[in-house]
C-alpha cells in the first residue's frame, strides 16, 4: 500500500487522487492558520520553491482539531496562506487528522510512522508540551496519532512513508532528508 490509494478534496472542491503525485517526493502537512507553528508556512514555501522543479511537492491539509486554530472557511484559508505566506503549493480542504472521522490518508500515515516525541529544545515546546499535558493528555495516550498542527510526513517517489517530523521540527531542518530522496527522482 502507498499514499497513491488515497484521494482528498482539493480547495477547488474536486476530489484529487494522490496518484497524481506518483514519482515525486511528497511532504504531507496538517496545517493551521492561528497556531504557534503557523510561521512554518513560510519555510515550507521556501522548500517548495527550492525543490519543486526537482520532483518535490508539498500537500497542505488545514485542520481545526487542535484548539480551534483553523476556524476559517476553506476559501479564506487559501487566501490567507497566499497573502500572508506566499503559499503556492497545493492545499486541500479542511481535514480531520485524528480521532472520530479521521481521513483515511491520515490514519494510514500515522500508522506508518509512529510518534517519537517532540524536540524539547524547540522554543515553542515550552508552550506546547505543558498545554498538551494539561488540556489534552488524551492526545498523548497512543504512539501513532497526530499530536498537533504541522506534523509532517515525508514520502518517497514510490509513495512510501519514509519519515515523520513533529511540529517541533522546523521545515528547513528536513532539507537534508528531502535532498536525499530527490537524488533518486527523475524529472
N, C-alpha and C. Protein backbone atom coordinates (compact mmCIF):
# COMPACT_ATOMS: atom_id res chain seq x y z
N UNK A 1 0.85 -1.19 0.00
CA UNK A 1 0.00 0.00 0.00
C UNK A 1 0.89 1.25 0.00
N UNK A 2 0.37 2.33 -0.56
CA UNK A 2 1.09 3.61 -0.60
C UNK A 2 0.07 4.74 -0.52
N UNK A 3 0.57 5.98 -0.53
CA UNK A 3 -0.35 7.12 -0.48
C UNK A 3 -1.18 7.21 -1.76
N UNK A 4 -0.76 6.51 -2.81
CA UNK A 4 -1.45 6.61 -4.10
C UNK A 4 -2.85 6.00 -4.09
N UNK A 5 -3.18 5.23 -3.07
CA UNK A 5 -4.52 4.64 -2.96
C UNK A 5 -5.54 5.65 -2.40
N UNK A 6 -5.07 6.81 -2.00
CA UNK A 6 -5.95 7.77 -1.35
C UNK A 6 -6.25 8.97 -2.24
N UNK A 7 -7.34 9.63 -1.90
CA UNK A 7 -7.69 10.89 -2.56
C UNK A 7 -8.19 11.84 -1.48
N UNK A 8 -8.27 13.11 -1.83
CA UNK A 8 -8.76 14.13 -0.90
C UNK A 8 -9.37 15.25 -1.71
N UNK A 9 -10.16 16.08 -1.05
CA UNK A 9 -10.84 17.17 -1.74
C UNK A 9 -9.93 18.40 -1.76
N UNK A 10 -9.59 18.81 -2.97
CA UNK A 10 -8.75 20.00 -3.17
C UNK A 10 -9.54 21.25 -2.81
N UNK A 11 -8.84 22.37 -2.69
CA UNK A 11 -9.51 23.62 -2.34
C UNK A 11 -10.59 24.02 -3.35
N UNK A 12 -10.47 23.57 -4.59
CA UNK A 12 -11.49 23.91 -5.59
C UNK A 12 -12.73 23.04 -5.48
N UNK A 13 -12.75 22.12 -4.49
CA UNK A 13 -13.92 21.28 -4.27
C UNK A 13 -13.91 19.97 -5.02
N UNK A 14 -12.88 19.73 -5.81
CA UNK A 14 -12.79 18.49 -6.60
C UNK A 14 -11.96 17.44 -5.88
N UNK A 15 -12.42 16.21 -5.97
CA UNK A 15 -11.67 15.08 -5.42
C UNK A 15 -10.40 14.91 -6.24
N UNK A 16 -9.28 14.78 -5.56
CA UNK A 16 -7.99 14.66 -6.25
C UNK A 16 -7.29 13.41 -5.76
N UNK A 17 -6.92 12.54 -6.69
CA UNK A 17 -6.20 11.32 -6.35
C UNK A 17 -4.73 11.66 -6.07
N UNK A 18 -4.18 11.10 -5.00
CA UNK A 18 -2.77 11.33 -4.71
C UNK A 18 -1.88 10.58 -5.69
N UNK A 19 -2.47 9.73 -6.50
CA UNK A 19 -1.73 9.08 -7.58
C UNK A 19 -1.15 10.11 -8.56
N UNK A 20 -1.75 11.31 -8.59
CA UNK A 20 -1.24 12.39 -9.45
C UNK A 20 0.18 12.80 -9.06
N UNK A 21 0.61 12.42 -7.86
CA UNK A 21 1.95 12.79 -7.39
C UNK A 21 2.93 11.63 -7.48
N UNK A 22 2.53 10.59 -8.18
CA UNK A 22 3.40 9.43 -8.37
C UNK A 22 4.72 9.87 -9.01
N UNK A 23 5.82 9.34 -8.47
CA UNK A 23 7.14 9.68 -8.99
C UNK A 23 7.76 10.91 -8.36
N UNK A 24 7.02 11.59 -7.50
CA UNK A 24 7.54 12.78 -6.81
C UNK A 24 7.82 12.47 -5.35
N UNK A 25 8.70 13.25 -4.76
CA UNK A 25 8.89 13.24 -3.32
C UNK A 25 7.82 14.19 -2.77
N UNK A 26 7.06 13.71 -1.79
CA UNK A 26 5.90 14.44 -1.28
C UNK A 26 6.09 14.70 0.21
N UNK A 27 5.74 15.90 0.63
CA UNK A 27 5.68 16.22 2.05
C UNK A 27 4.23 16.57 2.37
N UNK A 28 3.60 15.77 3.24
CA UNK A 28 2.21 15.99 3.63
C UNK A 28 2.21 16.63 5.02
N UNK A 29 1.48 17.74 5.16
CA UNK A 29 1.49 18.53 6.40
C UNK A 29 0.07 18.89 6.80
N UNK A 30 -0.27 18.66 8.08
CA UNK A 30 -1.55 19.20 8.58
C UNK A 30 -1.25 20.60 9.13
N UNK A 31 -2.01 21.56 8.67
CA UNK A 31 -1.69 22.97 8.94
C UNK A 31 -2.79 23.66 9.73
N UNK A 32 -2.48 24.85 10.22
CA UNK A 32 -3.45 25.70 10.90
C UNK A 32 -2.96 27.14 10.85
N UNK A 33 -3.88 28.07 10.67
CA UNK A 33 -3.52 29.47 10.48
C UNK A 33 -3.37 30.30 11.74
N UNK A 34 -3.71 29.74 12.90
CA UNK A 34 -3.63 30.52 14.15
C UNK A 34 -2.91 29.72 15.23
N UNK A 35 -1.80 29.17 14.86
CA UNK A 35 -1.04 28.26 15.72
C UNK A 35 0.35 28.85 15.97
N UNK A 36 0.96 28.45 17.04
CA UNK A 36 2.33 28.88 17.31
C UNK A 36 3.32 28.40 16.27
N UNK A 37 2.91 27.45 15.45
CA UNK A 37 3.78 26.93 14.38
C UNK A 37 3.40 27.44 13.00
N UNK A 38 2.43 28.35 12.92
CA UNK A 38 1.96 28.83 11.61
C UNK A 38 3.08 29.47 10.81
N UNK A 39 4.09 30.02 11.48
CA UNK A 39 5.24 30.60 10.77
C UNK A 39 5.90 29.57 9.84
N UNK A 40 5.67 28.29 10.09
CA UNK A 40 6.29 27.25 9.25
C UNK A 40 5.81 27.31 7.80
N UNK A 41 4.65 27.92 7.55
CA UNK A 41 4.20 28.10 6.17
C UNK A 41 5.29 28.77 5.32
N UNK A 42 5.95 29.76 5.86
CA UNK A 42 6.99 30.49 5.10
C UNK A 42 8.13 29.57 4.70
N UNK A 43 8.62 28.77 5.65
CA UNK A 43 9.72 27.86 5.33
C UNK A 43 9.27 26.71 4.43
N UNK A 44 8.04 26.26 4.61
CA UNK A 44 7.52 25.24 3.70
C UNK A 44 7.50 25.78 2.27
N UNK A 45 7.07 27.03 2.13
CA UNK A 45 7.03 27.63 0.79
C UNK A 45 8.45 27.75 0.22
N UNK A 46 9.42 28.11 1.05
CA UNK A 46 10.81 28.20 0.58
C UNK A 46 11.30 26.84 0.08
N UNK A 47 11.00 25.79 0.83
CA UNK A 47 11.40 24.44 0.39
C UNK A 47 10.72 24.07 -0.92
N UNK A 48 9.45 24.40 -1.01
CA UNK A 48 8.70 24.09 -2.24
C UNK A 48 9.31 24.80 -3.44
N UNK A 49 9.60 26.09 -3.30
CA UNK A 49 10.20 26.84 -4.40
C UNK A 49 11.58 26.30 -4.77
N UNK A 50 12.34 25.91 -3.78
CA UNK A 50 13.70 25.42 -4.00
C UNK A 50 13.73 24.08 -4.74
N UNK A 51 12.75 23.22 -4.47
CA UNK A 51 12.83 21.84 -4.98
C UNK A 51 11.69 21.42 -5.91
N UNK A 52 10.70 22.27 -6.17
CA UNK A 52 9.56 21.85 -6.98
C UNK A 52 9.96 21.43 -8.40
N UNK A 53 10.98 22.03 -8.96
CA UNK A 53 11.42 21.67 -10.31
C UNK A 53 12.30 20.43 -10.31
N UNK A 54 12.57 19.89 -9.12
CA UNK A 54 13.40 18.68 -9.00
C UNK A 54 12.56 17.46 -8.62
N UNK A 55 11.22 17.63 -8.63
CA UNK A 55 10.36 16.50 -8.33
C UNK A 55 9.81 16.47 -6.92
N UNK A 56 9.66 17.64 -6.29
CA UNK A 56 9.18 17.73 -4.91
C UNK A 56 7.88 18.51 -4.86
N UNK A 57 6.96 18.05 -4.02
CA UNK A 57 5.70 18.78 -3.83
C UNK A 57 5.31 18.69 -2.35
N UNK A 58 4.68 19.75 -1.88
CA UNK A 58 4.12 19.79 -0.53
C UNK A 58 2.61 19.81 -0.67
N UNK A 59 1.93 19.01 0.15
CA UNK A 59 0.47 18.99 0.18
C UNK A 59 0.03 19.43 1.57
N UNK A 60 -0.69 20.54 1.62
CA UNK A 60 -1.15 21.09 2.89
C UNK A 60 -2.60 20.72 3.17
N UNK A 61 -2.84 20.25 4.39
CA UNK A 61 -4.18 19.85 4.82
C UNK A 61 -4.57 20.64 6.07
N UNK A 62 -5.27 21.77 5.91
CA UNK A 62 -5.70 22.53 7.07
C UNK A 62 -6.58 21.67 7.99
N UNK A 63 -6.44 21.89 9.27
CA UNK A 63 -7.16 21.10 10.26
C UNK A 63 -7.53 22.00 11.44
N UNK A 64 -8.75 21.84 11.94
CA UNK A 64 -9.22 22.65 13.06
C UNK A 64 -9.40 21.82 14.33
N UNK A 65 -8.71 20.71 14.45
CA UNK A 65 -8.91 19.81 15.58
C UNK A 65 -8.09 20.18 16.82
N UNK A 66 -7.15 21.08 16.69
CA UNK A 66 -6.24 21.38 17.79
C UNK A 66 -6.50 22.79 18.31
N UNK A 67 -7.31 22.87 19.35
CA UNK A 67 -7.67 24.13 20.00
C UNK A 67 -8.25 25.18 19.05
N UNK A 68 -9.02 24.73 18.07
CA UNK A 68 -9.74 25.64 17.17
C UNK A 68 -8.81 26.64 16.50
N UNK A 69 -7.65 26.16 16.04
CA UNK A 69 -6.64 27.05 15.46
C UNK A 69 -6.74 27.21 13.94
N UNK A 70 -7.79 26.61 13.34
CA UNK A 70 -8.07 26.84 11.92
C UNK A 70 -9.58 26.93 11.73
N UNK A 71 -10.20 27.99 12.30
CA UNK A 71 -11.67 28.09 12.26
C UNK A 71 -12.23 28.62 10.94
N UNK A 72 -11.39 29.18 10.08
CA UNK A 72 -11.88 29.82 8.87
C UNK A 72 -12.41 28.81 7.85
N UNK A 73 -13.20 29.34 6.92
CA UNK A 73 -13.69 28.54 5.80
C UNK A 73 -12.54 28.32 4.81
N UNK A 74 -12.70 27.30 3.96
CA UNK A 74 -11.64 26.91 3.04
C UNK A 74 -11.14 28.04 2.15
N UNK A 75 -12.06 28.84 1.58
CA UNK A 75 -11.62 29.91 0.68
C UNK A 75 -10.80 30.96 1.43
N UNK A 76 -11.17 31.25 2.65
CA UNK A 76 -10.41 32.22 3.44
C UNK A 76 -9.04 31.65 3.83
N UNK A 77 -8.99 30.36 4.13
CA UNK A 77 -7.72 29.72 4.46
C UNK A 77 -6.76 29.87 3.29
N UNK A 78 -7.23 29.55 2.10
CA UNK A 78 -6.37 29.63 0.92
C UNK A 78 -5.91 31.06 0.68
N UNK A 79 -6.79 32.02 0.81
CA UNK A 79 -6.43 33.42 0.61
C UNK A 79 -5.40 33.86 1.64
N UNK A 80 -5.62 33.52 2.91
CA UNK A 80 -4.67 33.88 3.97
C UNK A 80 -3.29 33.27 3.72
N UNK A 81 -3.27 32.02 3.29
CA UNK A 81 -1.99 31.36 3.02
C UNK A 81 -1.24 32.05 1.89
N UNK A 82 -1.96 32.44 0.85
CA UNK A 82 -1.31 33.11 -0.28
C UNK A 82 -0.84 34.50 0.10
N UNK A 83 -1.72 35.27 0.74
CA UNK A 83 -1.38 36.66 1.05
C UNK A 83 -0.34 36.79 2.15
N UNK A 84 -0.44 35.99 3.19
CA UNK A 84 0.45 36.13 4.34
C UNK A 84 1.76 35.35 4.25
N UNK A 85 1.75 34.26 3.48
CA UNK A 85 2.93 33.40 3.44
C UNK A 85 3.40 33.07 2.02
N UNK A 86 2.68 33.56 1.02
CA UNK A 86 3.07 33.29 -0.36
C UNK A 86 2.89 31.85 -0.79
N UNK A 87 2.04 31.10 -0.09
CA UNK A 87 1.88 29.68 -0.35
C UNK A 87 1.36 29.44 -1.76
N UNK A 88 2.11 28.65 -2.52
CA UNK A 88 1.67 28.25 -3.85
C UNK A 88 1.62 26.74 -4.00
N UNK A 89 2.00 26.00 -2.94
CA UNK A 89 1.89 24.54 -3.02
C UNK A 89 0.42 24.16 -2.82
N UNK A 90 0.03 22.96 -3.29
CA UNK A 90 -1.37 22.56 -3.22
C UNK A 90 -1.90 22.47 -1.79
N UNK A 91 -3.09 23.03 -1.60
CA UNK A 91 -3.81 22.93 -0.33
C UNK A 91 -5.11 22.16 -0.57
N UNK A 92 -5.50 21.42 0.42
CA UNK A 92 -6.74 20.67 0.36
C UNK A 92 -7.72 21.28 1.36
N UNK A 93 -8.99 20.88 1.25
CA UNK A 93 -9.98 21.41 2.17
C UNK A 93 -9.73 20.87 3.57
N UNK A 94 -10.31 21.56 4.56
CA UNK A 94 -10.11 21.18 5.96
C UNK A 94 -10.37 19.68 6.14
N UNK A 95 -9.47 19.08 6.91
CA UNK A 95 -9.44 17.63 7.03
C UNK A 95 -9.29 17.24 8.50
N UNK A 96 -9.96 16.16 8.88
CA UNK A 96 -9.77 15.60 10.22
C UNK A 96 -8.57 14.65 10.16
N UNK A 97 -7.62 14.85 11.07
CA UNK A 97 -6.36 14.10 11.02
C UNK A 97 -6.19 13.13 12.20
N UNK A 98 -7.20 13.08 13.09
CA UNK A 98 -7.15 12.15 14.22
C UNK A 98 -8.58 11.93 14.74
N UNK A 99 -8.73 10.92 15.56
CA UNK A 99 -9.99 10.64 16.26
C UNK A 99 -11.15 10.33 15.31
N UNK A 100 -12.37 10.52 15.78
CA UNK A 100 -13.57 10.21 15.01
C UNK A 100 -13.58 11.00 13.70
N UNK A 101 -13.84 10.31 12.62
CA UNK A 101 -13.91 10.97 11.32
C UNK A 101 -12.56 11.22 10.68
N UNK A 102 -11.50 10.62 11.21
CA UNK A 102 -10.16 10.81 10.64
C UNK A 102 -10.18 10.44 9.14
N UNK A 103 -9.54 11.27 8.36
CA UNK A 103 -9.43 10.97 6.93
C UNK A 103 -8.57 9.71 6.78
N UNK A 104 -8.96 8.78 5.90
CA UNK A 104 -8.19 7.54 5.74
C UNK A 104 -6.70 7.76 5.44
N UNK A 105 -6.37 8.83 4.71
CA UNK A 105 -4.96 9.12 4.43
C UNK A 105 -4.19 9.33 5.73
N UNK A 106 -4.75 10.10 6.65
CA UNK A 106 -4.04 10.40 7.89
C UNK A 106 -4.03 9.21 8.85
N UNK A 107 -5.03 8.36 8.76
CA UNK A 107 -4.99 7.11 9.53
C UNK A 107 -3.82 6.26 9.03
N UNK A 108 -3.70 6.17 7.71
CA UNK A 108 -2.60 5.42 7.11
C UNK A 108 -1.25 6.02 7.49
N UNK A 109 -1.09 7.32 7.29
CA UNK A 109 0.20 7.98 7.56
C UNK A 109 0.62 7.78 9.01
N UNK A 110 -0.30 8.04 9.94
CA UNK A 110 0.06 7.99 11.35
C UNK A 110 0.36 6.58 11.83
N UNK A 111 -0.12 5.57 11.11
CA UNK A 111 0.20 4.20 11.48
C UNK A 111 1.47 3.70 10.78
N UNK A 112 1.92 4.41 9.77
CA UNK A 112 3.16 4.03 9.10
C UNK A 112 4.40 4.48 9.88
N UNK A 113 4.33 5.67 10.43
CA UNK A 113 5.45 6.21 11.22
C UNK A 113 4.90 6.72 12.54
N UNK A 114 5.39 6.16 13.60
CA UNK A 114 4.87 6.46 14.92
C UNK A 114 5.44 7.76 15.49
N UNK A 115 4.72 8.28 16.44
CA UNK A 115 5.14 9.45 17.20
C UNK A 115 6.34 9.06 18.07
N UNK A 116 7.41 9.82 17.94
CA UNK A 116 8.63 9.53 18.71
C UNK A 116 8.98 10.65 19.69
N UNK A 117 8.06 11.57 19.88
CA UNK A 117 8.28 12.66 20.82
C UNK A 117 8.56 13.98 20.15
N UNK A 118 8.47 15.02 20.94
CA UNK A 118 8.74 16.38 20.47
C UNK A 118 10.19 16.75 20.77
N UNK A 119 10.72 17.67 20.00
CA UNK A 119 12.03 18.25 20.29
C UNK A 119 11.84 19.20 21.47
N UNK A 120 12.29 18.79 22.63
CA UNK A 120 12.06 19.59 23.84
C UNK A 120 12.85 20.90 23.85
N UNK A 121 13.80 21.04 22.93
CA UNK A 121 14.62 22.26 22.87
C UNK A 121 14.05 23.29 21.90
N UNK A 122 13.02 22.93 21.17
CA UNK A 122 12.38 23.89 20.26
C UNK A 122 11.69 24.96 21.11
N UNK A 123 11.81 26.24 20.74
CA UNK A 123 11.23 27.32 21.56
C UNK A 123 9.73 27.17 21.84
N UNK A 124 8.96 26.65 20.89
CA UNK A 124 7.52 26.53 21.09
C UNK A 124 7.18 25.34 21.99
N UNK A 125 8.11 24.42 22.18
CA UNK A 125 7.87 23.27 23.06
C UNK A 125 7.55 23.69 24.48
N UNK A 126 8.11 24.81 24.91
CA UNK A 126 7.86 25.30 26.27
C UNK A 126 6.39 25.62 26.49
N UNK A 127 5.68 25.88 25.40
CA UNK A 127 4.24 26.15 25.47
C UNK A 127 3.46 24.89 25.13
N UNK A 128 3.87 24.20 24.06
CA UNK A 128 3.12 23.05 23.55
C UNK A 128 3.05 21.89 24.54
N UNK A 129 4.16 21.47 25.07
CA UNK A 129 4.18 20.28 25.92
C UNK A 129 3.33 20.47 27.18
N UNK A 130 3.46 21.59 27.91
CA UNK A 130 2.56 21.79 29.06
C UNK A 130 1.08 21.88 28.65
N UNK A 131 0.81 22.50 27.49
CA UNK A 131 -0.56 22.61 27.00
C UNK A 131 -1.15 21.22 26.78
N UNK A 132 -0.41 20.36 26.12
CA UNK A 132 -0.91 19.01 25.87
C UNK A 132 -1.09 18.24 27.18
N UNK A 133 -0.13 18.34 28.07
CA UNK A 133 -0.23 17.62 29.34
C UNK A 133 -1.40 18.11 30.19
N UNK A 134 -1.68 19.41 30.16
CA UNK A 134 -2.74 19.98 30.98
C UNK A 134 -4.13 19.89 30.34
N UNK A 135 -4.23 20.29 29.08
CA UNK A 135 -5.53 20.39 28.42
C UNK A 135 -5.91 19.19 27.58
N UNK A 136 -4.92 18.48 27.03
CA UNK A 136 -5.22 17.39 26.09
C UNK A 136 -4.36 16.16 26.34
N UNK A 137 -4.32 15.65 27.56
CA UNK A 137 -3.48 14.48 27.81
C UNK A 137 -3.91 13.26 26.98
N UNK A 138 -5.16 13.23 26.54
CA UNK A 138 -5.65 12.12 25.72
C UNK A 138 -4.92 12.04 24.37
N UNK A 139 -4.39 13.17 23.89
CA UNK A 139 -3.64 13.17 22.63
C UNK A 139 -2.36 12.35 22.74
N UNK A 140 -1.87 12.20 23.96
CA UNK A 140 -0.57 11.54 24.18
C UNK A 140 -0.69 10.08 24.59
N UNK A 141 -1.90 9.53 24.57
CA UNK A 141 -2.11 8.18 25.07
C UNK A 141 -1.60 7.08 24.14
N UNK A 142 -1.50 7.35 22.86
CA UNK A 142 -1.02 6.32 21.94
C UNK A 142 0.28 6.76 21.29
N UNK A 143 0.87 5.87 20.53
CA UNK A 143 2.17 6.17 19.91
C UNK A 143 2.08 6.46 18.42
N UNK A 144 0.86 6.67 17.92
CA UNK A 144 0.76 6.88 16.47
C UNK A 144 -0.03 8.13 16.06
N UNK A 145 -1.04 8.52 16.79
CA UNK A 145 -1.91 9.61 16.32
C UNK A 145 -1.14 10.92 16.20
N UNK A 146 -1.70 11.81 15.40
CA UNK A 146 -1.11 13.13 15.24
C UNK A 146 -1.41 13.93 16.51
N UNK A 147 -0.38 14.56 17.03
CA UNK A 147 -0.48 15.23 18.32
C UNK A 147 -0.79 16.71 18.21
N UNK A 148 -0.42 17.35 17.07
CA UNK A 148 -0.63 18.80 16.93
C UNK A 148 -0.51 19.21 15.47
N UNK A 149 -0.77 20.49 15.22
CA UNK A 149 -0.64 21.07 13.88
C UNK A 149 0.81 20.97 13.40
N UNK A 150 0.97 20.96 12.10
CA UNK A 150 2.27 20.96 11.43
C UNK A 150 3.09 19.70 11.72
N UNK A 151 2.37 18.57 11.80
CA UNK A 151 3.04 17.27 11.75
C UNK A 151 3.28 17.01 10.27
N UNK A 152 4.48 16.53 9.94
CA UNK A 152 4.89 16.41 8.55
C UNK A 152 5.32 14.98 8.24
N UNK A 153 4.87 14.46 7.10
CA UNK A 153 5.22 13.12 6.65
C UNK A 153 5.95 13.23 5.32
N UNK A 154 7.15 12.68 5.26
CA UNK A 154 7.95 12.70 4.04
C UNK A 154 7.76 11.37 3.31
N UNK A 155 7.37 11.48 2.05
CA UNK A 155 7.01 10.33 1.23
C UNK A 155 7.99 10.23 0.06
N UNK A 156 8.47 9.02 -0.23
CA UNK A 156 9.40 8.87 -1.35
C UNK A 156 8.66 8.82 -2.69
N UNK A 157 9.40 8.72 -3.77
CA UNK A 157 8.81 8.77 -5.12
C UNK A 157 7.99 7.52 -5.45
N UNK A 158 8.01 6.52 -4.58
CA UNK A 158 7.19 5.31 -4.76
C UNK A 158 5.90 5.39 -3.93
N UNK A 159 5.72 6.49 -3.19
CA UNK A 159 4.53 6.66 -2.39
C UNK A 159 4.62 6.08 -0.99
N UNK A 160 5.83 5.69 -0.57
CA UNK A 160 6.03 5.09 0.75
C UNK A 160 6.41 6.16 1.78
N UNK A 161 5.87 6.04 2.99
CA UNK A 161 6.18 6.97 4.07
C UNK A 161 7.58 6.65 4.58
N UNK A 162 8.47 7.64 4.50
CA UNK A 162 9.86 7.45 4.90
C UNK A 162 10.14 7.99 6.30
N UNK A 163 9.56 9.14 6.61
CA UNK A 163 9.88 9.77 7.89
C UNK A 163 8.72 10.64 8.35
N UNK A 164 8.60 10.75 9.66
CA UNK A 164 7.61 11.62 10.29
C UNK A 164 8.36 12.69 11.09
N UNK A 165 7.93 13.93 10.92
CA UNK A 165 8.51 15.05 11.64
C UNK A 165 7.39 15.72 12.43
N UNK A 166 7.60 15.92 13.70
CA UNK A 166 6.58 16.55 14.53
C UNK A 166 6.60 18.07 14.35
N UNK A 167 5.65 18.72 14.96
CA UNK A 167 5.52 20.18 14.91
C UNK A 167 6.82 20.89 15.27
N UNK A 168 7.56 20.29 16.18
CA UNK A 168 8.77 20.92 16.71
C UNK A 168 9.99 20.70 15.82
N UNK A 169 9.78 20.17 14.62
CA UNK A 169 10.85 20.13 13.61
C UNK A 169 10.53 21.21 12.60
N UNK A 170 11.39 22.19 12.50
CA UNK A 170 11.18 23.25 11.52
C UNK A 170 11.45 22.70 10.12
N UNK A 171 10.70 23.17 9.12
CA UNK A 171 10.85 22.65 7.77
C UNK A 171 12.27 22.67 7.23
N UNK A 172 13.02 23.72 7.48
CA UNK A 172 14.38 23.80 6.95
C UNK A 172 15.26 22.67 7.51
N UNK A 173 14.93 22.17 8.69
CA UNK A 173 15.70 21.08 9.29
C UNK A 173 15.44 19.74 8.59
N UNK A 174 14.49 19.69 7.66
CA UNK A 174 14.20 18.47 6.91
C UNK A 174 14.90 18.46 5.56
N UNK A 175 15.59 19.53 5.23
CA UNK A 175 16.14 19.69 3.89
C UNK A 175 17.07 18.56 3.47
N UNK A 176 17.92 18.10 4.36
CA UNK A 176 18.85 17.02 4.03
C UNK A 176 18.07 15.74 3.65
N UNK A 177 17.00 15.44 4.40
CA UNK A 177 16.19 14.25 4.11
C UNK A 177 15.50 14.39 2.75
N UNK A 178 15.02 15.57 2.44
CA UNK A 178 14.36 15.82 1.15
C UNK A 178 15.37 15.65 0.01
N UNK A 179 16.53 16.25 0.16
CA UNK A 179 17.57 16.14 -0.88
C UNK A 179 17.98 14.69 -1.11
N UNK A 180 18.09 13.92 -0.05
CA UNK A 180 18.48 12.51 -0.18
C UNK A 180 17.46 11.75 -1.01
N UNK A 181 16.17 12.01 -0.81
CA UNK A 181 15.13 11.32 -1.59
C UNK A 181 15.09 11.83 -3.03
N UNK A 182 15.35 13.11 -3.22
CA UNK A 182 15.32 13.67 -4.57
C UNK A 182 16.45 13.14 -5.45
N UNK A 183 17.51 12.64 -4.83
CA UNK A 183 18.62 12.09 -5.60
C UNK A 183 18.17 10.94 -6.48
N UNK A 184 17.08 10.26 -6.11
CA UNK A 184 16.59 9.12 -6.88
C UNK A 184 15.46 9.47 -7.84
N UNK A 185 15.08 10.73 -7.89
CA UNK A 185 13.93 11.15 -8.72
C UNK A 185 14.42 11.61 -10.09
N UNK A 186 13.71 11.15 -11.10
CA UNK A 186 13.98 11.59 -12.48
C UNK A 186 12.91 12.59 -12.86
N UNK A 187 13.32 13.79 -13.22
CA UNK A 187 12.37 14.85 -13.56
C UNK A 187 12.22 14.94 -15.07
